N, C-alpha and C. Protein backbone atom coordinates (compact mmCIF):
# COMPACT_ATOMS: atom_id res chain seq x y z
N UNK A 1 51.50 -80.38 -119.90
CA UNK A 1 52.22 -81.29 -119.71
C UNK A 1 52.58 -81.62 -121.23
N UNK A 2 51.59 -81.61 -122.29
CA UNK A 2 51.63 -81.46 -123.62
C UNK A 2 53.28 -81.77 -124.05
N UNK A 3 53.81 -80.61 -123.34
CA UNK A 3 55.06 -79.14 -124.02
C UNK A 3 56.26 -81.04 -122.85
N UNK A 4 55.90 -81.24 -122.04
CA UNK A 4 56.69 -82.76 -121.21
C UNK A 4 56.88 -83.92 -121.73
N UNK A 5 55.97 -83.81 -122.08
CA UNK A 5 55.50 -85.54 -123.22
C UNK A 5 56.41 -84.93 -124.32
N UNK A 6 56.45 -84.33 -125.35
CA UNK A 6 57.82 -84.54 -126.95
C UNK A 6 58.87 -84.13 -125.75
N UNK A 7 59.52 -83.53 -124.92
CA UNK A 7 60.66 -83.28 -124.94
C UNK A 7 60.93 -85.19 -124.36
N UNK A 8 59.77 -85.54 -123.84
CA UNK A 8 60.71 -86.64 -123.77
C UNK A 8 60.95 -87.78 -124.28
N UNK A 9 59.53 -88.15 -125.76
CA UNK A 9 60.13 -87.86 -126.81
C UNK A 9 61.73 -87.89 -127.44
N UNK A 10 60.97 -85.99 -127.28
CA UNK A 10 62.48 -86.47 -128.15
C UNK A 10 63.97 -86.63 -127.89
N UNK A 11 63.59 -86.17 -126.26
CA UNK A 11 65.13 -86.64 -125.47
C UNK A 11 64.78 -88.04 -125.67
N UNK A 12 64.66 -88.98 -125.03
CA UNK A 12 64.01 -90.53 -126.10
C UNK A 12 64.44 -91.22 -127.89
N UNK A 13 64.02 -90.00 -127.69
CA UNK A 13 64.46 -89.98 -130.17
C UNK A 13 66.05 -89.99 -129.45
N UNK A 14 66.04 -89.24 -129.57
CA UNK A 14 67.93 -88.62 -129.61
C UNK A 14 68.71 -89.60 -129.41
N UNK A 15 68.29 -90.20 -127.53
CA UNK A 15 69.04 -90.73 -126.90
C UNK A 15 69.39 -92.53 -127.60
N UNK A 16 68.45 -92.81 -128.59
CA UNK A 16 68.47 -94.15 -128.90
C UNK A 16 68.92 -93.71 -130.38
N UNK A 17 69.67 -92.25 -131.21
CA UNK A 17 70.21 -92.44 -132.13
C UNK A 17 71.36 -92.36 -131.67
N UNK A 18 72.21 -92.18 -130.51
CA UNK A 18 73.45 -92.17 -130.34
C UNK A 18 73.75 -92.78 -129.97
N UNK A 19 72.55 -93.63 -129.63
CA UNK A 19 73.48 -95.07 -128.84
C UNK A 19 73.12 -96.28 -130.53
N UNK A 20 72.69 -96.01 -131.10
CA UNK A 20 73.02 -96.44 -132.21
C UNK A 20 73.99 -96.32 -133.37
N UNK A 21 74.32 -94.98 -133.36
CA UNK A 21 75.90 -94.64 -133.76
C UNK A 21 76.38 -94.66 -132.85
N UNK A 22 76.61 -94.48 -131.43
CA UNK A 22 77.97 -94.38 -130.93
C UNK A 22 77.94 -96.45 -130.45
N UNK A 23 76.72 -97.06 -130.38
CA UNK A 23 77.51 -97.66 -130.24
C UNK A 23 76.32 -99.50 -131.18
N UNK A 24 76.98 -99.27 -132.39
CA UNK A 24 76.05 -100.17 -133.28
C UNK A 24 76.76 -102.21 -132.99
N UNK A 25 77.87 -101.96 -132.23
CA UNK A 25 77.52 -103.89 -132.27
C UNK A 25 77.38 -104.19 -130.18
N UNK A 26 76.73 -102.79 -129.28
CA UNK A 26 75.69 -102.86 -128.26
C UNK A 26 74.55 -103.25 -128.52
N UNK A 27 73.87 -103.40 -129.56
CA UNK A 27 72.24 -103.58 -128.80
C UNK A 27 71.70 -104.41 -127.96
N UNK A 28 71.82 -104.06 -126.60
CA UNK A 28 71.00 -104.91 -125.14
C UNK A 28 70.35 -103.06 -124.71
N UNK A 29 70.26 -102.40 -125.98
CA UNK A 29 68.73 -101.43 -125.31
C UNK A 29 67.59 -102.32 -126.21
N UNK A 30 67.98 -103.12 -127.17
CA UNK A 30 67.48 -103.72 -128.25
C UNK A 30 66.74 -104.85 -127.80
N UNK A 31 67.10 -105.53 -126.26
CA UNK A 31 66.89 -106.67 -126.09
C UNK A 31 67.74 -107.87 -125.93
N UNK A 32 68.92 -107.80 -127.12
CA UNK A 32 69.37 -109.20 -127.88
C UNK A 32 71.28 -108.26 -127.22
N UNK A 33 71.47 -109.75 -125.93
CA UNK A 33 72.76 -110.48 -125.35
C UNK A 33 73.52 -110.46 -125.33
């Protein structure tokens, strides 16, 4: 169970990092449209 949670958190963190790096102008994930 713990491994799955860790993997999810890592994946989410990596996704957010890529989103910020690749689309700084797009901050829809932050709730700003």
